[in-house]
Amino acid sequence: MKKNSTKNTDLLALDNQFCFALYSASLAVTKTYKPLLDALGLTYPQYLVMLVLWEHDDILVKDIGNALFLDSGTLTPLLKRLESAQLVVRQRDKNDERQVRITLTTEGLQLKKAAQNIPPQIMCASKQSADTLIELRTLLSALRDELQSAS
């Protein structure tokens, strides 16, 4: 696409869309993660679930969903694949049979060690400072929270 050298004030021009900048940056980030996660045998959504579990093991599916802003219909297939890979165990909660509790296996816990190198590799690939990435994360989290509360 040819870039216009003058300032484009068209509100519907693709390059003027904040949503597109965010979307395309998200695609680029996910693409950067892919080879690193392939080496661990994880997809990006599975990696996000594992991050939650490495921080809070032995939790309910609904708590994972709340942390990741995902519903159980999206999470259940992810968790089944993680269970098939022997990284987690799914079991009914003893206090409430309607709830499913997720616990890391020994293999799931060990995978955390292999994943430790991912954040520094992503930071290096981004060519951004830690401070810049922290500021960006803070701004994006605030944006997400505002949009969540508005809907």
N, C-alpha and C. Protein backbone atom coordinates (compact mmCIF):
# COMPACT_ATOMS: atom_id res chain seq x y z
N MET A 1 0.84 -1.18 0.00
CA MET A 1 0.00 0.00 0.00
C MET A 1 0.88 1.24 0.00
N LYS A 2 0.52 2.21 -0.79
CA LYS A 2 1.28 3.45 -0.88
C LYS A 2 0.96 4.35 0.31
N LYS A 3 2.00 4.80 1.00
CA LYS A 3 1.82 5.72 2.13
C LYS A 3 1.70 7.14 1.61
N ASN A 4 0.79 7.88 2.16
CA ASN A 4 0.61 9.26 1.79
C ASN A 4 1.53 10.11 2.65
N SER A 5 2.29 11.00 2.03
CA SER A 5 3.25 11.81 2.78
C SER A 5 2.58 12.91 3.58
N THR A 6 1.36 13.27 3.22
CA THR A 6 0.65 14.28 4.00
C THR A 6 -0.15 13.59 5.10
N LYS A 7 -0.46 14.35 6.12
CA LYS A 7 -1.21 13.79 7.25
C LYS A 7 -2.59 13.36 6.79
N ASN A 8 -2.92 12.12 7.02
CA ASN A 8 -4.21 11.57 6.61
C ASN A 8 -5.21 11.80 7.75
N THR A 9 -6.26 12.55 7.47
CA THR A 9 -7.26 12.84 8.49
C THR A 9 -8.54 12.03 8.30
N ASP A 10 -8.53 11.11 7.37
CA ASP A 10 -9.69 10.24 7.14
C ASP A 10 -9.88 9.35 8.37
N LEU A 11 -10.99 9.51 9.06
CA LEU A 11 -11.25 8.75 10.28
C LEU A 11 -11.33 7.25 10.04
N LEU A 12 -11.63 6.85 8.81
CA LEU A 12 -11.75 5.43 8.51
C LEU A 12 -10.54 4.88 7.77
N ALA A 13 -9.47 5.64 7.67
CA ALA A 13 -8.24 5.12 7.06
C ALA A 13 -7.64 4.08 8.00
N LEU A 14 -7.22 2.97 7.44
CA LEU A 14 -6.69 1.87 8.23
C LEU A 14 -5.55 2.31 9.14
N ASP A 15 -4.63 3.11 8.61
CA ASP A 15 -3.48 3.55 9.41
C ASP A 15 -3.87 4.48 10.56
N ASN A 16 -5.08 5.00 10.55
CA ASN A 16 -5.55 5.87 11.63
C ASN A 16 -6.30 5.10 12.72
N GLN A 17 -6.44 3.81 12.55
CA GLN A 17 -7.23 3.01 13.49
C GLN A 17 -6.38 2.49 14.64
N PHE A 18 -6.69 2.90 15.83
CA PHE A 18 -6.03 2.36 17.02
C PHE A 18 -6.25 0.85 17.11
N CYS A 19 -7.47 0.42 16.81
CA CYS A 19 -7.80 -1.01 16.92
C CYS A 19 -6.92 -1.84 16.00
N PHE A 20 -6.62 -1.32 14.80
CA PHE A 20 -5.78 -2.08 13.88
C PHE A 20 -4.34 -2.14 14.36
N ALA A 21 -3.84 -1.04 14.90
CA ALA A 21 -2.48 -1.04 15.45
C ALA A 21 -2.38 -2.08 16.58
N LEU A 22 -3.38 -2.12 17.43
CA LEU A 22 -3.40 -3.08 18.53
C LEU A 22 -3.52 -4.51 18.01
N TYR A 23 -4.42 -4.73 17.06
CA TYR A 23 -4.63 -6.05 16.48
C TYR A 23 -3.38 -6.56 15.78
N SER A 24 -2.77 -5.72 14.93
CA SER A 24 -1.60 -6.16 14.18
C SER A 24 -0.39 -6.36 15.11
N ALA A 25 -0.29 -5.55 16.16
CA ALA A 25 0.78 -5.76 17.15
C ALA A 25 0.56 -7.08 17.88
N SER A 26 -0.68 -7.39 18.20
CA SER A 26 -0.99 -8.66 18.85
C SER A 26 -0.62 -9.85 17.97
N LEU A 27 -0.92 -9.74 16.68
CA LEU A 27 -0.53 -10.81 15.74
C LEU A 27 0.99 -10.97 15.70
N ALA A 28 1.70 -9.85 15.67
CA ALA A 28 3.17 -9.90 15.63
C ALA A 28 3.74 -10.52 16.90
N VAL A 29 3.15 -10.19 18.04
CA VAL A 29 3.61 -10.75 19.31
C VAL A 29 3.37 -12.26 19.33
N THR A 30 2.17 -12.67 18.95
CA THR A 30 1.85 -14.10 18.93
C THR A 30 2.76 -14.86 17.97
N LYS A 31 3.06 -14.26 16.83
CA LYS A 31 3.97 -14.89 15.85
C LYS A 31 5.38 -15.02 16.43
N THR A 32 5.80 -14.06 17.22
CA THR A 32 7.12 -14.10 17.86
C THR A 32 7.17 -15.20 18.93
N TYR A 33 6.08 -15.39 19.64
CA TYR A 33 6.00 -16.43 20.66
C TYR A 33 6.00 -17.84 20.06
N LYS A 34 5.43 -17.98 18.86
CA LYS A 34 5.17 -19.32 18.30
C LYS A 34 6.37 -20.27 18.33
N PRO A 35 7.54 -19.92 17.79
CA PRO A 35 8.63 -20.90 17.82
C PRO A 35 9.10 -21.23 19.24
N LEU A 36 9.01 -20.26 20.12
CA LEU A 36 9.41 -20.50 21.52
C LEU A 36 8.45 -21.47 22.19
N LEU A 37 7.16 -21.31 21.90
CA LEU A 37 6.15 -22.18 22.51
C LEU A 37 6.10 -23.54 21.82
N ASP A 38 6.39 -23.58 20.52
CA ASP A 38 6.46 -24.86 19.82
C ASP A 38 7.49 -25.77 20.49
N ALA A 39 8.59 -25.17 20.92
CA ALA A 39 9.63 -25.95 21.59
C ALA A 39 9.15 -26.55 22.90
N LEU A 40 8.12 -25.93 23.51
CA LEU A 40 7.54 -26.45 24.75
C LEU A 40 6.33 -27.32 24.49
N GLY A 41 5.88 -27.37 23.25
CA GLY A 41 4.68 -28.15 22.92
C GLY A 41 3.40 -27.45 23.31
N LEU A 42 3.43 -26.12 23.36
CA LEU A 42 2.26 -25.34 23.77
C LEU A 42 1.83 -24.39 22.66
N THR A 43 0.52 -24.14 22.61
CA THR A 43 0.00 -23.04 21.81
C THR A 43 0.00 -21.79 22.69
N TYR A 44 -0.21 -20.63 22.08
CA TYR A 44 -0.22 -19.41 22.87
C TYR A 44 -1.34 -19.42 23.93
N PRO A 45 -2.58 -19.80 23.58
CA PRO A 45 -3.63 -19.86 24.62
C PRO A 45 -3.29 -20.87 25.74
N GLN A 46 -2.68 -21.99 25.39
CA GLN A 46 -2.28 -22.96 26.41
C GLN A 46 -1.20 -22.36 27.32
N TYR A 47 -0.29 -21.61 26.73
CA TYR A 47 0.75 -20.93 27.51
C TYR A 47 0.12 -19.97 28.52
N LEU A 48 -0.89 -19.23 28.10
CA LEU A 48 -1.57 -18.31 29.02
C LEU A 48 -2.20 -19.07 30.19
N VAL A 49 -2.82 -20.21 29.89
CA VAL A 49 -3.40 -21.04 30.97
C VAL A 49 -2.29 -21.51 31.91
N MET A 50 -1.17 -21.94 31.34
CA MET A 50 -0.06 -22.41 32.17
C MET A 50 0.50 -21.29 33.03
N LEU A 51 0.55 -20.07 32.50
CA LEU A 51 1.01 -18.94 33.29
C LEU A 51 0.14 -18.74 34.53
N VAL A 52 -1.17 -18.85 34.33
CA VAL A 52 -2.10 -18.72 35.46
C VAL A 52 -1.84 -19.83 36.47
N LEU A 53 -1.69 -21.05 35.98
CA LEU A 53 -1.48 -22.19 36.88
C LEU A 53 -0.12 -22.15 37.58
N TRP A 54 0.91 -21.67 36.92
CA TRP A 54 2.21 -21.56 37.57
C TRP A 54 2.17 -20.53 38.69
N GLU A 55 1.24 -19.59 38.57
CA GLU A 55 1.09 -18.57 39.62
C GLU A 55 0.13 -19.04 40.72
N HIS A 56 -0.91 -19.76 40.32
CA HIS A 56 -1.96 -20.20 41.27
C HIS A 56 -2.37 -21.63 40.93
N ASP A 57 -1.64 -22.60 41.40
CA ASP A 57 -1.96 -24.01 41.12
C ASP A 57 -3.20 -24.43 41.91
N ASP A 58 -3.86 -25.48 41.43
CA ASP A 58 -5.01 -26.06 42.12
C ASP A 58 -6.14 -25.04 42.25
N ILE A 59 -6.64 -24.58 41.10
CA ILE A 59 -7.72 -23.59 41.09
C ILE A 59 -8.86 -24.06 40.20
N LEU A 60 -9.98 -23.39 40.34
CA LEU A 60 -11.17 -23.73 39.57
C LEU A 60 -11.07 -23.18 38.15
N VAL A 61 -11.74 -23.89 37.23
CA VAL A 61 -11.79 -23.45 35.84
C VAL A 61 -12.30 -22.01 35.75
N LYS A 62 -13.31 -21.70 36.55
CA LYS A 62 -13.89 -20.34 36.49
C LYS A 62 -12.86 -19.29 36.90
N ASP A 63 -11.94 -19.64 37.79
CA ASP A 63 -10.91 -18.69 38.20
C ASP A 63 -9.87 -18.47 37.09
N ILE A 64 -9.58 -19.53 36.36
CA ILE A 64 -8.69 -19.39 35.19
C ILE A 64 -9.39 -18.51 34.16
N GLY A 65 -10.67 -18.77 33.93
CA GLY A 65 -11.44 -17.97 32.98
C GLY A 65 -11.47 -16.50 33.36
N ASN A 66 -11.65 -16.22 34.64
CA ASN A 66 -11.66 -14.83 35.09
C ASN A 66 -10.31 -14.16 34.86
N ALA A 67 -9.24 -14.87 35.13
CA ALA A 67 -7.90 -14.31 34.96
C ALA A 67 -7.60 -14.01 33.49
N LEU A 68 -8.12 -14.86 32.58
CA LEU A 68 -7.81 -14.73 31.15
C LEU A 68 -8.94 -14.09 30.33
N PHE A 69 -10.04 -13.73 30.99
CA PHE A 69 -11.20 -13.16 30.31
C PHE A 69 -11.75 -14.14 29.27
N LEU A 70 -11.80 -15.43 29.63
CA LEU A 70 -12.31 -16.47 28.74
C LEU A 70 -13.45 -17.22 29.41
N ASP A 71 -14.40 -17.71 28.61
CA ASP A 71 -15.49 -18.50 29.17
C ASP A 71 -15.11 -19.98 29.20
N SER A 72 -15.88 -20.76 29.92
CA SER A 72 -15.55 -22.18 30.09
C SER A 72 -15.63 -22.93 28.76
N GLY A 73 -16.48 -22.48 27.84
CA GLY A 73 -16.57 -23.12 26.54
C GLY A 73 -15.28 -23.00 25.73
N THR A 74 -14.56 -21.93 25.94
CA THR A 74 -13.27 -21.74 25.29
C THR A 74 -12.17 -22.48 26.05
N LEU A 75 -12.27 -22.44 27.37
CA LEU A 75 -11.23 -23.04 28.21
C LEU A 75 -11.25 -24.56 28.21
N THR A 76 -12.42 -25.17 28.20
CA THR A 76 -12.52 -26.62 28.33
C THR A 76 -11.68 -27.38 27.30
N PRO A 77 -11.76 -27.04 26.00
CA PRO A 77 -10.92 -27.76 25.04
C PRO A 77 -9.42 -27.55 25.30
N LEU A 78 -9.04 -26.33 25.71
CA LEU A 78 -7.64 -26.06 26.04
C LEU A 78 -7.17 -26.94 27.20
N LEU A 79 -8.01 -27.02 28.22
CA LEU A 79 -7.65 -27.80 29.40
C LEU A 79 -7.62 -29.29 29.09
N LYS A 80 -8.51 -29.75 28.23
CA LYS A 80 -8.49 -31.16 27.83
C LYS A 80 -7.19 -31.50 27.10
N ARG A 81 -6.74 -30.59 26.23
CA ARG A 81 -5.48 -30.83 25.52
C ARG A 81 -4.29 -30.80 26.48
N LEU A 82 -4.32 -29.89 27.44
CA LEU A 82 -3.25 -29.85 28.44
C LEU A 82 -3.26 -31.11 29.30
N GLU A 83 -4.45 -31.63 29.57
CA GLU A 83 -4.55 -32.88 30.33
C GLU A 83 -4.03 -34.05 29.50
N SER A 84 -4.37 -34.07 28.20
CA SER A 84 -3.87 -35.13 27.32
C SER A 84 -2.34 -35.11 27.23
N ALA A 85 -1.78 -33.90 27.32
CA ALA A 85 -0.32 -33.76 27.31
C ALA A 85 0.29 -34.04 28.68
N GLN A 86 -0.54 -34.41 29.62
CA GLN A 86 -0.13 -34.75 30.99
C GLN A 86 0.52 -33.58 31.73
N LEU A 87 0.02 -32.38 31.45
CA LEU A 87 0.53 -31.18 32.13
C LEU A 87 -0.39 -30.75 33.27
N VAL A 88 -1.67 -31.13 33.18
CA VAL A 88 -2.63 -30.80 34.23
C VAL A 88 -3.55 -31.99 34.49
N VAL A 89 -4.22 -31.92 35.64
CA VAL A 89 -5.26 -32.89 35.99
C VAL A 89 -6.54 -32.09 36.21
N ARG A 90 -7.62 -32.56 35.61
CA ARG A 90 -8.95 -31.96 35.82
C ARG A 90 -9.74 -32.90 36.71
N GLN A 91 -10.33 -32.32 37.76
CA GLN A 91 -11.16 -33.15 38.65
C GLN A 91 -12.26 -32.29 39.26
N ARG A 92 -13.37 -32.96 39.57
CA ARG A 92 -14.49 -32.27 40.19
C ARG A 92 -14.07 -31.77 41.57
N ASP A 93 -14.52 -30.58 41.92
CA ASP A 93 -14.21 -30.01 43.22
C ASP A 93 -14.94 -30.80 44.31
N LYS A 94 -14.24 -31.09 45.37
CA LYS A 94 -14.83 -31.89 46.47
C LYS A 94 -15.96 -31.16 47.17
N ASN A 95 -15.88 -29.83 47.22
CA ASN A 95 -16.90 -29.04 47.91
C ASN A 95 -18.10 -28.70 47.04
N ASP A 96 -17.90 -28.72 45.72
CA ASP A 96 -18.98 -28.39 44.79
C ASP A 96 -18.76 -29.17 43.50
N GLU A 97 -19.50 -30.25 43.35
CA GLU A 97 -19.34 -31.15 42.20
C GLU A 97 -19.57 -30.45 40.85
N ARG A 98 -20.23 -29.30 40.87
CA ARG A 98 -20.49 -28.58 39.62
C ARG A 98 -19.22 -27.89 39.09
N GLN A 99 -18.24 -27.71 39.97
CA GLN A 99 -17.01 -27.00 39.62
C GLN A 99 -15.90 -27.99 39.28
N VAL A 100 -15.02 -27.59 38.36
CA VAL A 100 -13.87 -28.41 37.99
C VAL A 100 -12.62 -27.70 38.47
N ARG A 101 -11.78 -28.45 39.15
CA ARG A 101 -10.52 -27.94 39.69
C ARG A 101 -9.37 -28.41 38.81
N ILE A 102 -8.42 -27.53 38.55
CA ILE A 102 -7.27 -27.83 37.71
C ILE A 102 -6.00 -27.79 38.56
N THR A 103 -5.22 -28.86 38.44
CA THR A 103 -3.97 -28.97 39.20
C THR A 103 -2.85 -29.33 38.24
N LEU A 104 -1.70 -28.72 38.45
CA LEU A 104 -0.52 -29.04 37.64
C LEU A 104 0.02 -30.42 38.00
N THR A 105 0.48 -31.12 37.01
CA THR A 105 1.20 -32.38 37.25
C THR A 105 2.68 -32.04 37.46
N THR A 106 3.46 -33.05 37.78
CA THR A 106 4.91 -32.85 37.91
C THR A 106 5.48 -32.31 36.60
N GLU A 107 5.00 -32.86 35.48
CA GLU A 107 5.47 -32.40 34.16
C GLU A 107 5.09 -30.94 33.93
N GLY A 108 3.89 -30.58 34.35
CA GLY A 108 3.44 -29.19 34.21
C GLY A 108 4.28 -28.24 35.04
N LEU A 109 4.62 -28.66 36.23
CA LEU A 109 5.49 -27.85 37.08
C LEU A 109 6.89 -27.72 36.48
N GLN A 110 7.41 -28.82 35.94
CA GLN A 110 8.75 -28.80 35.35
C GLN A 110 8.82 -27.94 34.09
N LEU A 111 7.71 -27.84 33.38
CA LEU A 111 7.68 -27.03 32.16
C LEU A 111 7.94 -25.56 32.47
N LYS A 112 7.62 -25.13 33.68
CA LYS A 112 7.85 -23.74 34.07
C LYS A 112 9.33 -23.38 33.94
N LYS A 113 10.21 -24.30 34.30
CA LYS A 113 11.65 -24.04 34.19
C LYS A 113 12.04 -23.78 32.74
N ALA A 114 11.49 -24.57 31.83
CA ALA A 114 11.80 -24.40 30.41
C ALA A 114 11.23 -23.10 29.86
N ALA A 115 10.15 -22.61 30.46
CA ALA A 115 9.50 -21.39 29.99
C ALA A 115 10.16 -20.12 30.52
N GLN A 116 11.04 -20.25 31.49
CA GLN A 116 11.66 -19.08 32.11
C GLN A 116 12.38 -18.18 31.11
N ASN A 117 12.88 -18.75 30.03
CA ASN A 117 13.65 -17.95 29.07
C ASN A 117 12.77 -17.21 28.06
N ILE A 118 11.49 -17.46 28.07
CA ILE A 118 10.61 -16.84 27.07
C ILE A 118 10.48 -15.33 27.26
N PRO A 119 10.14 -14.81 28.44
CA PRO A 119 10.00 -13.35 28.56
C PRO A 119 11.24 -12.56 28.14
N PRO A 120 12.46 -12.97 28.55
CA PRO A 120 13.61 -12.19 28.07
C PRO A 120 13.80 -12.27 26.55
N GLN A 121 13.46 -13.41 25.95
CA GLN A 121 13.58 -13.52 24.50
C GLN A 121 12.58 -12.62 23.78
N ILE A 122 11.39 -12.52 24.33
CA ILE A 122 10.37 -11.64 23.74
C ILE A 122 10.81 -10.18 23.88
N MET A 123 11.34 -9.82 25.05
CA MET A 123 11.81 -8.45 25.25
C MET A 123 12.92 -8.13 24.26
N CYS A 124 13.84 -9.05 24.08
CA CYS A 124 14.95 -8.85 23.14
C CYS A 124 14.41 -8.70 21.71
N ALA A 125 13.48 -9.54 21.32
CA ALA A 125 12.91 -9.47 19.97
C ALA A 125 12.17 -8.15 19.75
N SER A 126 11.57 -7.61 20.80
CA SER A 126 10.81 -6.36 20.67
C SER A 126 11.71 -5.14 20.52
N LYS A 127 12.97 -5.29 20.94
CA LYS A 127 13.92 -4.17 20.92
C LYS A 127 13.42 -2.98 21.74
N GLN A 128 12.67 -3.30 22.80
CA GLN A 128 12.15 -2.29 23.70
C GLN A 128 12.77 -2.50 25.07
N SER A 129 12.85 -1.43 25.84
CA SER A 129 13.37 -1.56 27.21
C SER A 129 12.31 -2.19 28.10
N ALA A 130 12.74 -2.72 29.22
CA ALA A 130 11.80 -3.27 30.19
C ALA A 130 10.83 -2.19 30.64
N ASP A 131 11.33 -0.99 30.88
CA ASP A 131 10.47 0.12 31.32
C ASP A 131 9.40 0.44 30.28
N THR A 132 9.77 0.45 29.01
CA THR A 132 8.81 0.73 27.94
C THR A 132 7.73 -0.34 27.89
N LEU A 133 8.15 -1.60 27.99
CA LEU A 133 7.16 -2.69 27.94
C LEU A 133 6.26 -2.69 29.17
N ILE A 134 6.80 -2.36 30.33
CA ILE A 134 5.98 -2.26 31.55
C ILE A 134 4.97 -1.13 31.41
N GLU A 135 5.41 0.00 30.89
CA GLU A 135 4.49 1.13 30.69
C GLU A 135 3.40 0.77 29.69
N LEU A 136 3.78 0.11 28.60
CA LEU A 136 2.80 -0.31 27.60
C LEU A 136 1.80 -1.30 28.19
N ARG A 137 2.29 -2.26 28.96
CA ARG A 137 1.39 -3.23 29.61
C ARG A 137 0.41 -2.52 30.54
N THR A 138 0.92 -1.55 31.30
CA THR A 138 0.07 -0.80 32.23
C THR A 138 -1.02 -0.04 31.47
N LEU A 139 -0.65 0.62 30.38
CA LEU A 139 -1.61 1.37 29.58
C LEU A 139 -2.65 0.45 28.95
N LEU A 140 -2.19 -0.68 28.42
CA LEU A 140 -3.13 -1.62 27.79
C LEU A 140 -4.07 -2.24 28.82
N SER A 141 -3.56 -2.55 29.99
CA SER A 141 -4.42 -3.09 31.05
C SER A 141 -5.47 -2.08 31.47
N ALA A 142 -5.08 -0.83 31.59
CA ALA A 142 -6.04 0.22 31.94
C ALA A 142 -7.10 0.38 30.85
N LEU A 143 -6.67 0.34 29.59
CA LEU A 143 -7.61 0.41 28.47
C LEU A 143 -8.59 -0.75 28.52
N ARG A 144 -8.07 -1.96 28.70
CA ARG A 144 -8.93 -3.14 28.79
C ARG A 144 -9.95 -2.99 29.91
N ASP A 145 -9.49 -2.55 31.08
CA ASP A 145 -10.39 -2.40 32.21
C ASP A 145 -11.49 -1.37 31.95
N GLU A 146 -11.12 -0.26 31.30
CA GLU A 146 -12.11 0.76 30.96
C GLU A 146 -13.14 0.22 29.97
N LEU A 147 -12.65 -0.48 28.95
CA LEU A 147 -13.56 -1.03 27.95
C LEU A 147 -14.45 -2.12 28.56
N GLN A 148 -13.91 -2.92 29.47
CA GLN A 148 -14.71 -3.95 30.15
C GLN A 148 -15.81 -3.31 30.98
N SER A 149 -15.47 -2.26 31.69
CA SER A 149 -16.47 -1.62 32.56
C SER A 149 -17.52 -0.87 31.76
N ALA A 150 -17.16 -0.45 30.53
CA ALA A 150 -18.12 0.29 29.69
C ALA A 150 -19.12 -0.63 29.01
N SER A 151 -18.79 -1.92 28.92
CA SER A 151 -19.71 -2.83 28.21
C SER A 151 -20.66 -3.55 29.13
